[in-house]
Amino acid sequence: MGELTFFLGLQIQQSEEGTFICQTKYTKELIQKFGINNAKSIGTPMSPATNLDKDEQGTPVDETKYRGMIGPLLYLTASRPDIMYSICNCVRFQSAIPRSHI
């Protein structure tokens, strides 16, 4: 049996210095799955100008799809605690999600 390289979607890299866990492949698969390959990136996990609030006039979206996006992102916070604030901000609005939050 060879060296462990993948486990539960995590990339495992073993070296003399230790064992390292990476979620690059998982992240790239999420980007492709949700069709945001061409999305514009920013230097911070959440733009300071982003204001999520209850948007009762907004166009509603499929809650199942939205939750399907949030769940995998919560899993990513295991190795990317810097995105925790952004993800938790999105979790706050899991019911009656307006399109402006996607």
N, C-alpha and C. Protein backbone atom coordinates (compact mmCIF):
# COMPACT_ATOMS: atom_id res chain seq x y z
N MET A 1 0.85 -1.17 0.00
CA MET A 1 0.00 0.00 0.00
C MET A 1 0.90 1.24 0.00
N GLY A 2 0.57 2.20 -0.83
CA GLY A 2 1.39 3.40 -0.98
C GLY A 2 1.10 4.46 0.07
N GLU A 3 1.73 5.58 -0.16
CA GLU A 3 1.58 6.73 0.73
C GLU A 3 0.20 7.35 0.56
N LEU A 4 -0.42 7.78 1.65
CA LEU A 4 -1.74 8.40 1.63
C LEU A 4 -1.64 9.76 0.93
N THR A 5 -2.49 9.98 -0.10
CA THR A 5 -2.48 11.27 -0.80
C THR A 5 -3.82 11.98 -0.73
N PHE A 6 -4.93 11.23 -0.65
CA PHE A 6 -6.26 11.83 -0.54
C PHE A 6 -7.05 11.11 0.53
N PHE A 7 -7.80 11.88 1.34
CA PHE A 7 -8.65 11.31 2.38
C PHE A 7 -9.82 12.25 2.62
N LEU A 8 -11.04 11.78 2.37
CA LEU A 8 -12.27 12.57 2.57
C LEU A 8 -12.21 13.93 1.87
N GLY A 9 -11.71 13.95 0.66
CA GLY A 9 -11.63 15.19 -0.11
C GLY A 9 -10.44 16.06 0.23
N LEU A 10 -9.65 15.66 1.19
CA LEU A 10 -8.47 16.43 1.57
C LEU A 10 -7.23 15.86 0.88
N GLN A 11 -6.36 16.74 0.43
CA GLN A 11 -5.09 16.31 -0.10
C GLN A 11 -4.12 16.20 1.07
N ILE A 12 -3.44 15.09 1.16
CA ILE A 12 -2.49 14.86 2.24
C ILE A 12 -1.09 14.83 1.64
N GLN A 13 -0.21 15.66 2.16
CA GLN A 13 1.18 15.69 1.70
C GLN A 13 2.06 15.35 2.89
N GLN A 14 2.83 14.29 2.74
CA GLN A 14 3.71 13.85 3.81
C GLN A 14 5.15 14.12 3.43
N SER A 15 5.90 14.67 4.37
CA SER A 15 7.33 14.93 4.15
C SER A 15 8.06 14.70 5.47
N GLU A 16 9.35 14.93 5.45
CA GLU A 16 10.14 14.77 6.67
C GLU A 16 9.75 15.79 7.73
N GLU A 17 9.28 16.96 7.30
CA GLU A 17 8.88 18.01 8.24
C GLU A 17 7.55 17.72 8.91
N GLY A 18 6.73 16.88 8.29
CA GLY A 18 5.44 16.56 8.87
C GLY A 18 4.40 16.24 7.82
N THR A 19 3.16 16.20 8.24
CA THR A 19 2.04 15.92 7.36
C THR A 19 1.24 17.21 7.17
N PHE A 20 0.92 17.53 5.92
CA PHE A 20 0.21 18.75 5.60
C PHE A 20 -1.10 18.42 4.90
N ILE A 21 -2.14 19.15 5.26
CA ILE A 21 -3.46 18.94 4.68
C ILE A 21 -3.77 20.14 3.79
N CYS A 22 -4.25 19.85 2.59
CA CYS A 22 -4.53 20.90 1.62
C CYS A 22 -5.90 20.62 0.99
N GLN A 23 -6.66 21.66 0.71
CA GLN A 23 -7.98 21.49 0.10
C GLN A 23 -8.07 22.17 -1.26
N THR A 24 -6.96 22.29 -1.95
CA THR A 24 -6.95 22.95 -3.25
C THR A 24 -7.86 22.25 -4.25
N LYS A 25 -7.74 20.94 -4.36
CA LYS A 25 -8.56 20.18 -5.32
C LYS A 25 -10.04 20.33 -4.97
N TYR A 26 -10.38 20.22 -3.70
CA TYR A 26 -11.77 20.36 -3.24
C TYR A 26 -12.30 21.75 -3.59
N THR A 27 -11.50 22.77 -3.36
CA THR A 27 -11.90 24.14 -3.65
C THR A 27 -12.13 24.35 -5.13
N LYS A 28 -11.23 23.84 -5.95
CA LYS A 28 -11.38 23.97 -7.41
C LYS A 28 -12.63 23.26 -7.90
N GLU A 29 -12.94 22.11 -7.31
CA GLU A 29 -14.16 21.38 -7.68
C GLU A 29 -15.41 22.18 -7.31
N LEU A 30 -15.39 22.85 -6.16
CA LEU A 30 -16.53 23.69 -5.75
C LEU A 30 -16.72 24.85 -6.72
N ILE A 31 -15.63 25.49 -7.09
CA ILE A 31 -15.69 26.62 -8.02
C ILE A 31 -16.31 26.18 -9.33
N GLN A 32 -15.91 25.03 -9.81
CA GLN A 32 -16.46 24.50 -11.06
C GLN A 32 -17.92 24.08 -10.88
N LYS A 33 -18.24 23.42 -9.78
CA LYS A 33 -19.60 22.94 -9.52
C LYS A 33 -20.62 24.08 -9.49
N PHE A 34 -20.25 25.21 -8.88
CA PHE A 34 -21.18 26.32 -8.76
C PHE A 34 -21.05 27.33 -9.89
N GLY A 35 -20.21 27.03 -10.88
CA GLY A 35 -20.12 27.87 -12.07
C GLY A 35 -19.57 29.25 -11.83
N ILE A 36 -18.61 29.36 -10.93
CA ILE A 36 -18.02 30.68 -10.66
C ILE A 36 -16.56 30.74 -11.11
N ASN A 37 -16.24 29.95 -12.14
CA ASN A 37 -14.87 29.91 -12.67
C ASN A 37 -14.39 31.29 -13.12
N ASN A 38 -15.29 32.07 -13.69
CA ASN A 38 -14.90 33.37 -14.23
C ASN A 38 -15.22 34.53 -13.30
N ALA A 39 -15.56 34.22 -12.05
CA ALA A 39 -15.88 35.28 -11.09
C ALA A 39 -14.63 36.10 -10.77
N LYS A 40 -14.85 37.36 -10.55
CA LYS A 40 -13.74 38.26 -10.22
C LYS A 40 -13.33 38.03 -8.77
N SER A 41 -12.05 37.83 -8.54
CA SER A 41 -11.57 37.59 -7.17
C SER A 41 -11.19 38.90 -6.49
N ILE A 42 -11.16 38.86 -5.16
CA ILE A 42 -10.74 40.02 -4.38
C ILE A 42 -9.68 39.57 -3.39
N GLY A 43 -8.95 40.51 -2.84
CA GLY A 43 -7.84 40.19 -1.94
C GLY A 43 -8.26 39.81 -0.53
N THR A 44 -9.51 40.08 -0.17
CA THR A 44 -10.00 39.74 1.16
C THR A 44 -11.15 38.75 1.02
N PRO A 45 -11.40 37.91 2.04
CA PRO A 45 -12.50 36.93 1.93
C PRO A 45 -13.87 37.57 1.73
N MET A 46 -14.07 38.78 2.25
CA MET A 46 -15.34 39.47 2.04
C MET A 46 -15.05 40.95 1.90
N SER A 47 -15.53 41.53 0.84
CA SER A 47 -15.29 42.95 0.60
C SER A 47 -15.89 43.78 1.73
N PRO A 48 -15.14 44.76 2.24
CA PRO A 48 -15.67 45.62 3.30
C PRO A 48 -16.93 46.37 2.87
N ALA A 49 -17.11 46.54 1.56
CA ALA A 49 -18.28 47.25 1.06
C ALA A 49 -19.52 46.36 1.01
N THR A 50 -19.35 45.06 1.20
CA THR A 50 -20.48 44.13 1.14
C THR A 50 -21.34 44.28 2.39
N ASN A 51 -22.62 44.50 2.17
CA ASN A 51 -23.54 44.67 3.28
C ASN A 51 -24.69 43.67 3.11
N LEU A 52 -24.67 42.61 3.88
CA LEU A 52 -25.76 41.64 3.82
C LEU A 52 -26.77 42.00 4.90
N ASP A 53 -28.00 42.20 4.48
CA ASP A 53 -29.07 42.46 5.43
C ASP A 53 -30.34 41.83 4.87
N LYS A 54 -31.38 41.86 5.65
CA LYS A 54 -32.63 41.26 5.21
C LYS A 54 -33.18 42.09 4.06
N ASP A 55 -33.21 41.50 2.89
CA ASP A 55 -33.67 42.17 1.67
C ASP A 55 -35.03 41.60 1.31
N GLU A 56 -36.07 42.16 1.89
CA GLU A 56 -37.41 41.62 1.69
C GLU A 56 -37.95 41.87 0.30
N GLN A 57 -37.40 42.84 -0.42
CA GLN A 57 -37.85 43.16 -1.77
C GLN A 57 -37.09 42.38 -2.83
N GLY A 58 -36.01 41.71 -2.43
CA GLY A 58 -35.15 41.00 -3.39
C GLY A 58 -35.82 39.78 -4.00
N THR A 59 -35.30 39.37 -5.14
CA THR A 59 -35.79 38.17 -5.82
C THR A 59 -35.36 36.94 -5.04
N PRO A 60 -36.31 36.10 -4.59
CA PRO A 60 -35.91 34.91 -3.82
C PRO A 60 -35.22 33.88 -4.71
N VAL A 61 -34.37 33.07 -4.10
CA VAL A 61 -33.67 32.00 -4.81
C VAL A 61 -33.99 30.67 -4.14
N ASP A 62 -33.61 29.60 -4.78
CA ASP A 62 -33.83 28.25 -4.27
C ASP A 62 -33.01 28.04 -2.99
N GLU A 63 -33.70 27.86 -1.86
CA GLU A 63 -33.01 27.69 -0.57
C GLU A 63 -32.15 26.44 -0.55
N THR A 64 -32.58 25.38 -1.22
CA THR A 64 -31.81 24.14 -1.24
C THR A 64 -30.47 24.35 -1.93
N LYS A 65 -30.50 25.08 -3.04
CA LYS A 65 -29.25 25.36 -3.77
C LYS A 65 -28.32 26.23 -2.91
N TYR A 66 -28.88 27.24 -2.26
CA TYR A 66 -28.08 28.13 -1.42
C TYR A 66 -27.43 27.35 -0.28
N ARG A 67 -28.21 26.52 0.39
CA ARG A 67 -27.66 25.71 1.49
C ARG A 67 -26.63 24.71 0.97
N GLY A 68 -26.85 24.23 -0.26
CA GLY A 68 -25.89 23.34 -0.89
C GLY A 68 -24.56 24.02 -1.17
N MET A 69 -24.59 25.34 -1.29
CA MET A 69 -23.36 26.10 -1.49
C MET A 69 -22.69 26.39 -0.14
N ILE A 70 -23.48 26.70 0.87
CA ILE A 70 -22.95 27.06 2.18
C ILE A 70 -22.30 25.87 2.89
N GLY A 71 -22.93 24.69 2.82
CA GLY A 71 -22.40 23.50 3.49
C GLY A 71 -20.95 23.19 3.13
N PRO A 72 -20.64 23.05 1.84
CA PRO A 72 -19.25 22.78 1.46
C PRO A 72 -18.28 23.89 1.88
N LEU A 73 -18.76 25.12 1.89
CA LEU A 73 -17.89 26.22 2.31
C LEU A 73 -17.59 26.13 3.81
N LEU A 74 -18.56 25.69 4.60
CA LEU A 74 -18.30 25.48 6.03
C LEU A 74 -17.23 24.41 6.22
N TYR A 75 -17.27 23.38 5.38
CA TYR A 75 -16.25 22.32 5.44
C TYR A 75 -14.87 22.90 5.16
N LEU A 76 -14.80 23.87 4.26
CA LEU A 76 -13.51 24.50 3.93
C LEU A 76 -12.91 25.27 5.10
N THR A 77 -13.73 25.74 6.01
CA THR A 77 -13.21 26.54 7.12
C THR A 77 -12.28 25.74 8.03
N ALA A 78 -12.27 24.42 7.88
CA ALA A 78 -11.35 23.59 8.67
C ALA A 78 -9.90 23.94 8.35
N SER A 79 -9.64 24.26 7.09
CA SER A 79 -8.28 24.62 6.71
C SER A 79 -8.15 26.09 6.33
N ARG A 80 -9.26 26.81 6.27
CA ARG A 80 -9.24 28.23 5.91
C ARG A 80 -10.06 29.05 6.90
N PRO A 81 -9.56 29.20 8.13
CA PRO A 81 -10.33 29.95 9.13
C PRO A 81 -10.55 31.41 8.74
N ASP A 82 -9.77 31.92 7.79
CA ASP A 82 -9.93 33.30 7.36
C ASP A 82 -11.25 33.54 6.64
N ILE A 83 -11.90 32.50 6.15
CA ILE A 83 -13.18 32.69 5.47
C ILE A 83 -14.38 32.46 6.40
N MET A 84 -14.12 32.14 7.66
CA MET A 84 -15.19 31.84 8.62
C MET A 84 -16.18 33.00 8.74
N TYR A 85 -15.71 34.23 8.88
CA TYR A 85 -16.60 35.38 9.04
C TYR A 85 -17.54 35.51 7.84
N SER A 86 -16.99 35.40 6.65
CA SER A 86 -17.79 35.54 5.43
C SER A 86 -18.85 34.45 5.34
N ILE A 87 -18.46 33.22 5.61
CA ILE A 87 -19.39 32.11 5.51
C ILE A 87 -20.50 32.24 6.56
N CYS A 88 -20.13 32.58 7.78
CA CYS A 88 -21.13 32.74 8.85
C CYS A 88 -22.09 33.88 8.54
N ASN A 89 -21.61 34.91 7.87
CA ASN A 89 -22.48 36.00 7.45
C ASN A 89 -23.54 35.48 6.48
N CYS A 90 -23.14 34.60 5.58
CA CYS A 90 -24.09 34.01 4.63
C CYS A 90 -25.05 33.05 5.31
N VAL A 91 -24.57 32.33 6.31
CA VAL A 91 -25.41 31.36 7.03
C VAL A 91 -26.56 32.07 7.74
N ARG A 92 -26.34 33.29 8.16
CA ARG A 92 -27.38 34.05 8.88
C ARG A 92 -28.65 34.21 8.05
N PHE A 93 -28.54 34.16 6.74
CA PHE A 93 -29.68 34.43 5.88
C PHE A 93 -30.13 33.19 5.11
N GLN A 94 -30.18 32.03 5.79
CA GLN A 94 -30.53 30.79 5.09
C GLN A 94 -32.01 30.66 4.79
N SER A 95 -32.85 31.46 5.39
CA SER A 95 -34.26 31.42 5.03
C SER A 95 -34.59 32.72 4.31
N ALA A 96 -35.41 32.62 3.30
CA ALA A 96 -35.79 33.76 2.46
C ALA A 96 -34.56 34.46 1.90
N ILE A 97 -33.76 33.71 1.17
CA ILE A 97 -32.51 34.23 0.61
C ILE A 97 -32.80 35.07 -0.63
N PRO A 98 -32.39 36.33 -0.64
CA PRO A 98 -32.54 37.13 -1.85
C PRO A 98 -31.35 36.89 -2.80
N ARG A 99 -31.57 37.10 -4.09
CA ARG A 99 -30.53 36.90 -5.09
C ARG A 99 -29.31 37.78 -4.81
N SER A 100 -29.50 38.92 -4.16
CA SER A 100 -28.38 39.84 -3.88
C SER A 100 -27.33 39.22 -2.97
N HIS A 101 -27.64 38.13 -2.26
CA HIS A 101 -26.68 37.49 -1.36
C HIS A 101 -25.83 36.44 -2.05
N ILE A 102 -26.12 36.14 -3.30
CA ILE A 102 -25.34 35.11 -3.99
C ILE A 102 -24.24 35.70 -4.77
